[in-house]
Amino acid sequence: MIRTIFLVLITFFFFRYAQRAGAGSNRRRAFTLAGIATSLFAVLNLLALTGVDVSPLVIPISLLAVIGLSIAVFFLIRGWQRGEMHEQLDQMRQLFDTKDKQ
């Protein structure tokens, strides 16, 4: 039950980040795919909680979810390489610079 709630929350945050990312960006693709993948895990857990025999579905759905997460990581790295996360990296640098000065 807790795992399902956790997966639903993560899915919500991935889709929220996807909305905030620029249209057509690699970041948006990455967060959307990650949201879809975690929603597959959440659906699988929900079905198991309701008593449905999910044993024939575990491997194919898990495989699809892992492939989706892998492609999401690829798009995130691609976005980083193309400078789509420049603002976020600058914010992180500023955060670490202020901690070093304290």
PDB file of N, CA and C in Angstrom:
ATOM      1  N   MET A   1       0.817  -1.191   0.000  1.00  0.00           N
ATOM      2  CA  MET A   1       0.000   0.000   0.000  1.00  0.00           C
ATOM      3  C   MET A   1       0.865   1.262   0.000  1.00  0.00           C
ATOM      4  N   ILE A   2       1.848   1.311   0.891  1.00  0.00           N
ATOM      5  CA  ILE A   2       2.733   2.474   0.971  1.00  0.00           C
ATOM      6  C   ILE A   2       3.527   2.617  -0.321  1.00  0.00           C
ATOM      7  N   ARG A   3       3.970   1.506  -0.858  1.00  0.00           N
ATOM      8  CA  ARG A   3       4.722   1.538  -2.117  1.00  0.00           C
ATOM      9  C   ARG A   3       3.869   2.116  -3.246  1.00  0.00           C
ATOM     10  N   THR A   4       2.605   1.763  -3.284  1.00  0.00           N
ATOM     11  CA  THR A   4       1.705   2.275  -4.321  1.00  0.00           C
ATOM     12  C   THR A   4       1.493   3.777  -4.166  1.00  0.00           C
ATOM     13  N   ILE A   5       1.281   4.223  -2.942  1.00  0.00           N
ATOM     14  CA  ILE A   5       1.118   5.662  -2.695  1.00  0.00           C
ATOM     15  C   ILE A   5       2.381   6.409  -3.101  1.00  0.00           C
ATOM     16  N   PHE A   6       3.518   5.867  -2.741  1.00  0.00           N
ATOM     17  CA  PHE A   6       4.804   6.475  -3.096  1.00  0.00           C
ATOM     18  C   PHE A   6       4.962   6.566  -4.615  1.00  0.00           C
ATOM     19  N   LEU A   7       4.613   5.506  -5.322  1.00  0.00           N
ATOM     20  CA  LEU A   7       4.710   5.508  -6.785  1.00  0.00           C
ATOM     21  C   LEU A   7       3.759   6.521  -7.419  1.00  0.00           C
ATOM     22  N   VAL A   8       2.569   6.644  -6.871  1.00  0.00           N
ATOM     23  CA  VAL A   8       1.613   7.626  -7.398  1.00  0.00           C
ATOM     24  C   VAL A   8       2.144   9.042  -7.184  1.00  0.00           C
ATOM     25  N   LEU A   9       2.733   9.298  -6.023  1.00  0.00           N
ATOM     26  CA  LEU A   9       3.320  10.622  -5.764  1.00  0.00           C
ATOM     27  C   LEU A   9       4.476  10.922  -6.712  1.00  0.00           C
ATOM     28  N   ILE A  10       5.344   9.954  -6.907  1.00  0.00           N
ATOM     29  CA  ILE A  10       6.471  10.145  -7.828  1.00  0.00           C
ATOM     30  C   ILE A  10       5.951  10.395  -9.239  1.00  0.00           C
ATOM     31  N   THR A  11       4.944   9.637  -9.647  1.00  0.00           N
ATOM     32  CA  THR A  11       4.352   9.830 -10.972  1.00  0.00           C
ATOM     33  C   THR A  11       3.803  11.244 -11.113  1.00  0.00           C
ATOM     34  N   PHE A  12       3.098  11.698 -10.084  1.00  0.00           N
ATOM     35  CA  PHE A  12       2.556  13.058 -10.097  1.00  0.00           C
ATOM     36  C   PHE A  12       3.673  14.082 -10.273  1.00  0.00           C
ATOM     37  N   PHE A  13       4.763  13.939  -9.523  1.00  0.00           N
ATOM     38  CA  PHE A  13       5.860  14.904  -9.617  1.00  0.00           C
ATOM     39  C   PHE A  13       6.552  14.855 -10.975  1.00  0.00           C
ATOM     40  N   PHE A  14       6.703  13.667 -11.545  1.00  0.00           N
ATOM     41  CA  PHE A  14       7.301  13.579 -12.884  1.00  0.00           C
ATOM     42  C   PHE A  14       6.446  14.320 -13.913  1.00  0.00           C
ATOM     43  N   PHE A  15       5.138  14.112 -13.868  1.00  0.00           N
ATOM     44  CA  PHE A  15       4.268  14.804 -14.821  1.00  0.00           C
ATOM     45  C   PHE A  15       4.236  16.309 -14.555  1.00  0.00           C
ATOM     46  N   ARG A  16       4.348  16.693 -13.304  1.00  0.00           N
ATOM     47  CA  ARG A  16       4.401  18.121 -12.958  1.00  0.00           C
ATOM     48  C   ARG A  16       5.672  18.756 -13.527  1.00  0.00           C
ATOM     49  N   TYR A  17       6.808  18.074 -13.368  1.00  0.00           N
ATOM     50  CA  TYR A  17       8.062  18.578 -13.939  1.00  0.00           C
ATOM     51  C   TYR A  17       7.987  18.626 -15.460  1.00  0.00           C
ATOM     52  N   ALA A  18       7.316  17.654 -16.051  1.00  0.00           N
ATOM     53  CA  ALA A  18       7.176  17.641 -17.514  1.00  0.00           C
ATOM     54  C   ALA A  18       6.394  18.858 -17.989  1.00  0.00           C
ATOM     55  N   GLN A  19       5.373  19.252 -17.239  1.00  0.00           N
ATOM     56  CA  GLN A  19       4.603  20.441 -17.605  1.00  0.00           C
ATOM     57  C   GLN A  19       5.452  21.702 -17.532  1.00  0.00           C
ATOM     58  N   ARG A  20       6.350  21.754 -16.552  1.00  0.00           N
ATOM     59  CA  ARG A  20       7.172  22.946 -16.359  1.00  0.00           C
ATOM     60  C   ARG A  20       8.329  23.023 -17.347  1.00  0.00           C
ATOM     61  N   ALA A  21       8.715  21.909 -17.920  1.00  0.00           N
ATOM     62  CA  ALA A  21       9.818  21.904 -18.891  1.00  0.00           C
ATOM     63  C   ALA A  21       9.340  22.518 -20.201  1.00  0.00           C
ATOM     64  N   GLY A  22      10.277  23.011 -20.968  1.00  0.00           N
ATOM     65  CA  GLY A  22       9.932  23.644 -22.241  1.00  0.00           C
ATOM     66  C   GLY A  22       9.298  22.671 -23.219  1.00  0.00           C
ATOM     67  N   ALA A  23       8.368  23.176 -23.999  1.00  0.00           N
ATOM     68  CA  ALA A  23       7.679  22.341 -24.986  1.00  0.00           C
ATOM     69  C   ALA A  23       8.677  21.790 -25.996  1.00  0.00           C
ATOM     70  N   GLY A  24       8.621  20.503 -26.235  1.00  0.00           N
ATOM     71  CA  GLY A  24       9.492  19.859 -27.208  1.00  0.00           C
ATOM     72  C   GLY A  24      10.909  19.628 -26.722  1.00  0.00           C
ATOM     73  N   SER A  25      11.173  19.907 -25.445  1.00  0.00           N
ATOM     74  CA  SER A  25      12.532  19.744 -24.932  1.00  0.00           C
ATOM     75  C   SER A  25      12.796  18.289 -24.547  1.00  0.00           C
ATOM     76  N   ASN A  26      14.065  17.957 -24.468  1.00  0.00           N
ATOM     77  CA  ASN A  26      14.450  16.616 -24.030  1.00  0.00           C
ATOM     78  C   ASN A  26      14.055  16.387 -22.576  1.00  0.00           C
ATOM     79  N   ARG A  27      14.099  17.445 -21.772  1.00  0.00           N
ATOM     80  CA  ARG A  27      13.680  17.327 -20.373  1.00  0.00           C
ATOM     81  C   ARG A  27      12.207  16.941 -20.286  1.00  0.00           C
ATOM     82  N   ARG A  28      11.383  17.554 -21.113  1.00  0.00           N
ATOM     83  CA  ARG A  28       9.950  17.221 -21.098  1.00  0.00           C
ATOM     84  C   ARG A  28       9.749  15.759 -21.494  1.00  0.00           C
ATOM     85  N   ARG A  29      10.465  15.324 -22.519  1.00  0.00           N
ATOM     86  CA  ARG A  29      10.361  13.914 -22.932  1.00  0.00           C
ATOM     87  C   ARG A  29      10.800  12.990 -21.799  1.00  0.00           C
ATOM     88  N   ALA A  30      11.905  13.351 -21.141  1.00  0.00           N
ATOM     89  CA  ALA A  30      12.436  12.517 -20.061  1.00  0.00           C
ATOM     90  C   ALA A  30      11.440  12.403 -18.915  1.00  0.00           C
ATOM     91  N   PHE A  31      10.901  13.530 -18.460  1.00  0.00           N
ATOM     92  CA  PHE A  31       9.976  13.490 -17.335  1.00  0.00           C
ATOM     93  C   PHE A  31       8.657  12.818 -17.703  1.00  0.00           C
ATOM     94  N   THR A  32       8.205  13.000 -18.931  1.00  0.00           N
ATOM     95  CA  THR A  32       6.975  12.334 -19.364  1.00  0.00           C
ATOM     96  C   THR A  32       7.167  10.821 -19.398  1.00  0.00           C
ATOM     97  N   LEU A  33       8.274  10.375 -19.970  1.00  0.00           N
ATOM     98  CA  LEU A  33       8.546   8.927 -20.007  1.00  0.00           C
ATOM     99  C   LEU A  33       8.712   8.357 -18.603  1.00  0.00           C
ATOM    100  N   ALA A  34       9.392   9.092 -17.735  1.00  0.00           N
ATOM    101  CA  ALA A  34       9.554   8.623 -16.356  1.00  0.00           C
ATOM    102  C   ALA A  34       8.197   8.538 -15.659  1.00  0.00           C
ATOM    103  N   GLY A  35       7.321   9.494 -15.926  1.00  0.00           N
ATOM    104  CA  GLY A  35       5.978   9.450 -15.351  1.00  0.00           C
ATOM    105  C   GLY A  35       5.178   8.262 -15.848  1.00  0.00           C
ATOM    106  N   ILE A  36       5.285   7.992 -17.127  1.00  0.00           N
ATOM    107  CA  ILE A  36       4.581   6.831 -17.694  1.00  0.00           C
ATOM    108  C   ILE A  36       5.124   5.537 -17.097  1.00  0.00           C
ATOM    109  N   ALA A  37       6.447   5.454 -16.980  1.00  0.00           N
ATOM    110  CA  ALA A  37       7.064   4.238 -16.439  1.00  0.00           C
ATOM    111  C   ALA A  37       6.658   4.007 -14.987  1.00  0.00           C
ATOM    112  N   THR A  38       6.699   5.060 -14.169  1.00  0.00           N
ATOM    113  CA  THR A  38       6.308   4.869 -12.771  1.00  0.00           C
ATOM    114  C   THR A  38       4.809   4.604 -12.640  1.00  0.00           C
ATOM    115  N   SER A  39       4.022   5.142 -13.568  1.00  0.00           N
ATOM    116  CA  SER A  39       2.583   4.837 -13.519  1.00  0.00           C
ATOM    117  C   SER A  39       2.334   3.365 -13.851  1.00  0.00           C
ATOM    118  N   LEU A  40       3.160   2.790 -14.718  1.00  0.00           N
ATOM    119  CA  LEU A  40       3.030   1.351 -14.991  1.00  0.00           C
ATOM    120  C   LEU A  40       3.301   0.535 -13.729  1.00  0.00           C
ATOM    121  N   PHE A  41       4.348   0.919 -12.990  1.00  0.00           N
ATOM    122  CA  PHE A  41       4.630   0.236 -11.722  1.00  0.00           C
ATOM    123  C   PHE A  41       3.482   0.433 -10.732  1.00  0.00           C
ATOM    124  N   ALA A  42       2.921   1.648 -10.699  1.00  0.00           N
ATOM    125  CA  ALA A  42       1.813   1.930  -9.781  1.00  0.00           C
ATOM    126  C   ALA A  42       0.582   1.097 -10.135  1.00  0.00           C
ATOM    127  N   VAL A  43       0.266   1.001 -11.421  1.00  0.00           N
ATOM    128  CA  VAL A  43      -0.887   0.195 -11.852  1.00  0.00           C
ATOM    129  C   VAL A  43      -0.675  -1.269 -11.493  1.00  0.00           C
ATOM    130  N   LEU A  44       0.524  -1.754 -11.703  1.00  0.00           N
ATOM    131  CA  LEU A  44       0.834  -3.140 -11.356  1.00  0.00           C
ATOM    132  C   LEU A  44       0.628  -3.376  -9.860  1.00  0.00           C
ATOM    133  N   ASN A  45       1.086  -2.436  -9.035  1.00  0.00           N
ATOM    134  CA  ASN A  45       0.899  -2.562  -7.590  1.00  0.00           C
ATOM    135  C   ASN A  45      -0.565  -2.447  -7.191  1.00  0.00           C
ATOM    136  N   LEU A  46      -1.299  -1.551  -7.836  1.00  0.00           N
ATOM    137  CA  LEU A  46      -2.728  -1.418  -7.535  1.00  0.00           C
ATOM    138  C   LEU A  46      -3.494  -2.690  -7.881  1.00  0.00           C
ATOM    139  N   LEU A  47      -3.163  -3.278  -9.022  1.00  0.00           N
ATOM    140  CA  LEU A  47      -3.819  -4.531  -9.398  1.00  0.00           C
ATOM    141  C   LEU A  47      -3.518  -5.631  -8.383  1.00  0.00           C
ATOM    142  N   ALA A  48      -2.282  -5.689  -7.926  1.00  0.00           N
ATOM    143  CA  ALA A  48      -1.916  -6.694  -6.931  1.00  0.00           C
ATOM    144  C   ALA A  48      -2.654  -6.451  -5.615  1.00  0.00           C
ATOM    145  N   LEU A  49      -2.822  -5.180  -5.254  1.00  0.00           N
ATOM    146  CA  LEU A  49      -3.551  -4.859  -4.019  1.00  0.00           C
ATOM    147  C   LEU A  49      -5.019  -5.257  -4.088  1.00  0.00           C
ATOM    148  N   THR A  50      -5.606  -5.172  -5.269  1.00  0.00           N
ATOM    149  CA  THR A  50      -7.022  -5.511  -5.414  1.00  0.00           C
ATOM    150  C   THR A  50      -7.253  -7.015  -5.536  1.00  0.00           C
ATOM    151  N   GLY A  51      -6.186  -7.780  -5.541  1.00  0.00           N
ATOM    152  CA  GLY A  51      -6.326  -9.226  -5.572  1.00  0.00           C
ATOM    153  C   GLY A  51      -6.251  -9.846  -6.951  1.00  0.00           C
ATOM    154  N   VAL A  52      -5.968  -9.049  -7.961  1.00  0.00           N
ATOM    155  CA  VAL A  52      -5.841  -9.571  -9.325  1.00  0.00           C
ATOM    156  C   VAL A  52      -4.536 -10.362  -9.420  1.00  0.00           C
ATOM    157  N   ASP A  53      -4.583 -11.494 -10.089  1.00  0.00           N
ATOM    158  CA  ASP A  53      -3.372 -12.287 -10.305  1.00  0.00           C
ATOM    159  C   ASP A  53      -2.519 -11.593 -11.362  1.00  0.00           C
ATOM    160  N   VAL A  54      -1.461 -10.933 -10.908  1.00  0.00           N
ATOM    161  CA  VAL A  54      -0.619 -10.154 -11.818  1.00  0.00           C
ATOM    162  C   VAL A  54       0.629 -10.915 -12.261  1.00  0.00           C
ATOM    163  N   SER A  55       0.748 -12.171 -11.853  1.00  0.00           N
ATOM    164  CA  SER A  55       1.968 -12.916 -12.175  1.00  0.00           C
ATOM    165  C   SER A  55       2.275 -12.976 -13.673  1.00  0.00           C
ATOM    166  N   PRO A  56       1.279 -13.134 -14.575  1.00  0.00           N
ATOM    167  CA  PRO A  56       1.652 -13.130 -15.993  1.00  0.00           C
ATOM    168  C   PRO A  56       1.985 -11.731 -16.519  1.00  0.00           C
ATOM    169  N   LEU A  57       1.628 -10.697 -15.766  1.00  0.00           N
ATOM    170  CA  LEU A  57       1.863  -9.326 -16.221  1.00  0.00           C
ATOM    171  C   LEU A  57       3.142  -8.703 -15.672  1.00  0.00           C
ATOM    172  N   VAL A  58       3.697  -9.289 -14.622  1.00  0.00           N
ATOM    173  CA  VAL A  58       4.827  -8.667 -13.934  1.00  0.00           C
ATOM    174  C   VAL A  58       6.007  -8.447 -14.864  1.00  0.00           C
ATOM    175  N   ILE A  59       6.429  -9.469 -15.571  1.00  0.00           N
ATOM    176  CA  ILE A  59       7.625  -9.339 -16.413  1.00  0.00           C
ATOM    177  C   ILE A  59       7.403  -8.372 -17.575  1.00  0.00           C
ATOM    178  N   PRO A  60       6.333  -8.495 -18.368  1.00  0.00           N
ATOM    179  CA  PRO A  60       6.191  -7.551 -19.486  1.00  0.00           C
ATOM    180  C   PRO A  60       6.006  -6.099 -19.045  1.00  0.00           C
ATOM    181  N   ILE A  61       5.194  -5.866 -18.008  1.00  0.00           N
ATOM    182  CA  ILE A  61       4.976  -4.489 -17.561  1.00  0.00           C
ATOM    183  C   ILE A  61       6.243  -3.925 -16.932  1.00  0.00           C
ATOM    184  N   SER A  62       6.925  -4.723 -16.132  1.00  0.00           N
ATOM    185  CA  SER A  62       8.179  -4.259 -15.531  1.00  0.00           C
ATOM    186  C   SER A  62       9.221  -3.974 -16.596  1.00  0.00           C
ATOM    187  N   LEU A  63       9.277  -4.816 -17.605  1.00  0.00           N
ATOM    188  CA  LEU A  63      10.226  -4.605 -18.697  1.00  0.00           C
ATOM    189  C   LEU A  63       9.924  -3.304 -19.438  1.00  0.00           C
ATOM    190  N   LEU A  64       8.656  -3.057 -19.732  1.00  0.00           N
ATOM    191  CA  LEU A  64       8.273  -1.796 -20.380  1.00  0.00           C
ATOM    192  C   LEU A  64       8.638  -0.593 -19.515  1.00  0.00           C
ATOM    193  N   ALA A  65       8.397  -0.711 -18.212  1.00  0.00           N
ATOM    194  CA  ALA A  65       8.704   0.396 -17.305  1.00  0.00           C
ATOM    195  C   ALA A  65      10.205   0.657 -17.234  1.00  0.00           C
ATOM    196  N   VAL A  66      10.999  -0.395 -17.151  1.00  0.00           N
ATOM    197  CA  VAL A  66      12.455  -0.223 -17.085  1.00  0.00           C
ATOM    198  C   VAL A  66      12.986   0.350 -18.394  1.00  0.00           C
ATOM    199  N   ILE A  67      12.459  -0.104 -19.515  1.00  0.00           N
ATOM    200  CA  ILE A  67      12.866   0.463 -20.808  1.00  0.00           C
ATOM    201  C   ILE A  67      12.487   1.942 -20.865  1.00  0.00           C
ATOM    202  N   GLY A  68      11.291   2.276 -20.403  1.00  0.00           N
ATOM    203  CA  GLY A  68      10.868   3.677 -20.372  1.00  0.00           C
ATOM    204  C   GLY A  68      11.764   4.531 -19.499  1.00  0.00           C
ATOM    205  N   LEU A  69      12.131   4.023 -18.322  1.00  0.00           N
ATOM    206  CA  LEU A  69      13.038   4.765 -17.445  1.00  0.00           C
ATOM    207  C   LEU A  69      14.420   4.918 -18.070  1.00  0.00           C
ATOM    208  N   SER A  70      14.880   3.886 -18.762  1.00  0.00           N
ATOM    209  CA  SER A  70      16.187   3.963 -19.425  1.00  0.00           C
ATOM    210  C   SER A  70      16.187   5.018 -20.525  1.00  0.00           C
ATOM    211  N   ILE A  71      15.128   5.058 -21.296  1.00  0.00           N
ATOM    212  CA  ILE A  71      15.024   6.067 -22.352  1.00  0.00           C
ATOM    213  C   ILE A  71      14.895   7.459 -21.734  1.00  0.00           C
ATOM    214  N   ALA A  72      14.201   7.555 -20.598  1.00  0.00           N
ATOM    215  CA  ALA A  72      14.079   8.840 -19.900  1.00  0.00           C
ATOM    216  C   ALA A  72      15.448   9.347 -19.459  1.00  0.00           C
ATOM    217  N   VAL A  73      16.281   8.455 -18.940  1.00  0.00           N
ATOM    218  CA  VAL A  73      17.642   8.849 -18.548  1.00  0.00           C
ATOM    219  C   VAL A  73      18.421   9.311 -19.770  1.00  0.00           C
ATOM    220  N   PHE A  74      18.261   8.618 -20.888  1.00  0.00           N
ATOM    221  CA  PHE A  74      18.922   9.024 -22.129  1.00  0.00           C
ATOM    222  C   PHE A  74      18.518  10.444 -22.520  1.00  0.00           C
ATOM    223  N   PHE A  75      17.214  10.742 -22.487  1.00  0.00           N
ATOM    224  CA  PHE A  75      16.745  12.083 -22.850  1.00  0.00           C
ATOM    225  C   PHE A  75      17.224  13.137 -21.854  1.00  0.00           C
ATOM    226  N   LEU A  76      17.316  12.771 -20.576  1.00  0.00           N
ATOM    227  CA  LEU A  76      17.805  13.715 -19.582  1.00  0.00           C
ATOM    228  C   LEU A  76      19.276  14.046 -19.825  1.00  0.00           C
ATOM    229  N   ILE A  77      20.071  13.035 -20.130  1.00  0.00           N
ATOM    230  CA  ILE A  77      21.490  13.261 -20.446  1.00  0.00           C
ATOM    231  C   ILE A  77      21.615  14.075 -21.723  1.00  0.00           C
ATOM    232  N   ARG A  78      20.798  13.764 -22.700  1.00  0.00           N
ATOM    233  CA  ARG A  78      20.821  14.504 -23.965  1.00  0.00           C
ATOM    234  C   ARG A  78      20.451  15.975 -23.755  1.00  0.00           C
ATOM    235  N   GLY A  79      19.481  16.218 -22.907  1.00  0.00           N
ATOM    236  CA  GLY A  79      19.111  17.592 -22.585  1.00  0.00           C
ATOM    237  C   GLY A  79      20.226  18.321 -21.867  1.00  0.00           C
ATOM    238  N   TRP A  80      20.904  17.625 -20.971  1.00  0.00           N
ATOM    239  CA  TRP A  80      22.037  18.222 -20.259  1.00  0.00           C
ATOM    240  C   TRP A  80      23.153  18.571 -21.233  1.00  0.00           C
ATOM    241  N   GLN A  81      23.446  17.669 -22.162  1.00  0.00           N
ATOM    242  CA  GLN A  81      24.503  17.914 -23.144  1.00  0.00           C
ATOM    243  C   GLN A  81      24.176  19.086 -24.056  1.00  0.00           C
ATOM    244  N   ARG A  82      22.914  19.294 -24.335  1.00  0.00           N
ATOM    245  CA  ARG A  82      22.509  20.378 -25.237  1.00  0.00           C
ATOM    246  C   ARG A  82      22.224  21.683 -24.498  1.00  0.00           C
ATOM    247  N   GLY A  83      22.497  21.716 -23.214  1.00  0.00           N
ATOM    248  CA  GLY A  83      22.364  22.945 -22.445  1.00  0.00           C
ATOM    249  C   GLY A  83      20.966  23.279 -21.979  1.00  0.00           C
ATOM    250  N   GLU A  84      20.053  22.324 -22.001  1.00  0.00           N
ATOM    251  CA  GLU A  84      18.680  22.595 -21.583  1.00  0.00           C
ATOM    252  C   GLU A  84      18.557  22.789 -20.076  1.00  0.00           C
ATOM    253  N   MET A  85      19.535  22.321 -19.339  1.00  0.00           N
ATOM    254  CA  MET A  85      19.472  22.434 -17.883  1.00  0.00           C
ATOM    255  C   MET A  85      20.453  23.475 -17.362  1.00  0.00           C
ATOM    256  N   HIS A  86      20.773  24.450 -18.187  1.00  0.00           N
ATOM    257  CA  HIS A  86      21.742  25.473 -17.819  1.00  0.00           C
ATOM    258  C   HIS A  86      21.296  26.240 -16.573  1.00  0.00           C
ATOM    259  N   GLU A  87      20.034  26.638 -16.522  1.00  0.00           N
ATOM    260  CA  GLU A  87      19.521  27.394 -15.374  1.00  0.00           C
ATOM    261  C   GLU A  87      19.596  26.571 -14.088  1.00  0.00           C
ATOM    262  N   GLN A  88      19.224  25.304 -14.157  1.00  0.00           N
ATOM    263  CA  GLN A  88      19.249  24.458 -12.975  1.00  0.00           C
ATOM    264  C   GLN A  88      20.679  24.243 -12.491  1.00  0.00           C
ATOM    265  N   LEU A  89      21.618  24.072 -13.422  1.00  0.00           N
ATOM    266  CA  LEU A  89      23.016  23.895 -13.032  1.00  0.00           C
ATOM    267  C   LEU A  89      23.565  25.162 -12.397  1.00  0.00           C
ATOM    268  N   ASP A  90      23.191  26.327 -12.911  1.00  0.00           N
ATOM    269  CA  ASP A  90      23.617  27.592 -12.309  1.00  0.00           C
ATOM    270  C   ASP A  90      23.060  27.740 -10.898  1.00  0.00           C
ATOM    271  N   GLN A  91      21.809  27.350 -10.698  1.00  0.00           N
ATOM    272  CA  GLN A  91      21.214  27.414  -9.363  1.00  0.00           C
ATOM    273  C   GLN A  91      21.957  26.504  -8.392  1.00  0.00           C
ATOM    274  N   MET A  92      22.319  25.318  -8.845  1.00  0.00           N
ATOM    275  CA  MET A  92      23.069  24.396  -7.988  1.00  0.00           C
ATOM    276  C   MET A  92      24.448  24.955  -7.654  1.00  0.00           C
ATOM    277  N   ARG A  93      25.116  25.545  -8.647  1.00  0.00           N
ATOM    278  CA  ARG A  93      26.431  26.146  -8.398  1.00  0.00           C
ATOM    279  C   ARG A  93      26.327  27.268  -7.370  1.00  0.00           C
ATOM    280  N   GLN A  94      25.318  28.117  -7.512  1.00  0.00           N
ATOM    281  CA  GLN A  94      25.127  29.212  -6.564  1.00  0.00           C
ATOM    282  C   GLN A  94      24.834  28.676  -5.168  1.00  0.00           C
ATOM    283  N   LEU A  95      24.060  27.626  -5.077  1.00  0.00           N
ATOM    284  CA  LEU A  95      23.744  27.031  -3.790  1.00  0.00           C
ATOM    285  C   LEU A  95      25.005  26.515  -3.114  1.00  0.00           C
ATOM    286  N   PHE A  96      25.840  25.814  -3.867  1.00  0.00           N
ATOM    287  CA  PHE A  96      27.065  25.278  -3.288  1.00  0.00           C
ATOM    288  C   PHE A  96      28.074  26.377  -2.988  1.00  0.00           C
ATOM    289  N   ASP A  97      28.097  27.430  -3.787  1.00  0.00           N
ATOM    290  CA  ASP A  97      29.007  28.545  -3.525  1.00  0.00           C
ATOM    291  C   ASP A  97      28.641  29.251  -2.230  1.00  0.00           C
ATOM    292  N   THR A  98      27.362  29.432  -1.957  1.00  0.00           N
ATOM    293  CA  THR A  98      26.950  30.101  -0.723  1.00  0.00           C
ATOM    294  C   THR A  98      27.211  29.225   0.491  1.00  0.00           C
ATOM    295  N   LYS A  99      27.122  27.915   0.349  1.00  0.00           N
ATOM    296  CA  LYS A  99      27.424  27.021   1.475  1.00  0.00           C
ATOM    297  C   LYS A  99      28.914  27.026   1.784  1.00  0.00           C
ATOM    298  N   ASP A 100      29.754  27.134   0.755  1.00  0.00           N
ATOM    299  CA  ASP A 100      31.196  27.160   0.966  1.00  0.00           C
ATOM    300  C   ASP A 100      31.635  28.424   1.685  1.00  0.00           C
ATOM    301  N   LYS A 101      30.935  29.526   1.472  1.00  0.00           N
ATOM    302  CA  LYS A 101      31.310  30.805   2.067  1.00  0.00           C
ATOM    303  C   LYS A 101      30.888  30.912   3.526  1.00  0.00           C
ATOM    304  N   GLN A 102      29.998  30.057   3.964  1.00  0.00           N
ATOM    305  CA  GLN A 102      29.509  30.147   5.350  1.00  0.00           C
ATOM    306  C   GLN A 102      30.454  29.522   6.322  1.00  0.00           C
TER     307      GLN A 102
END
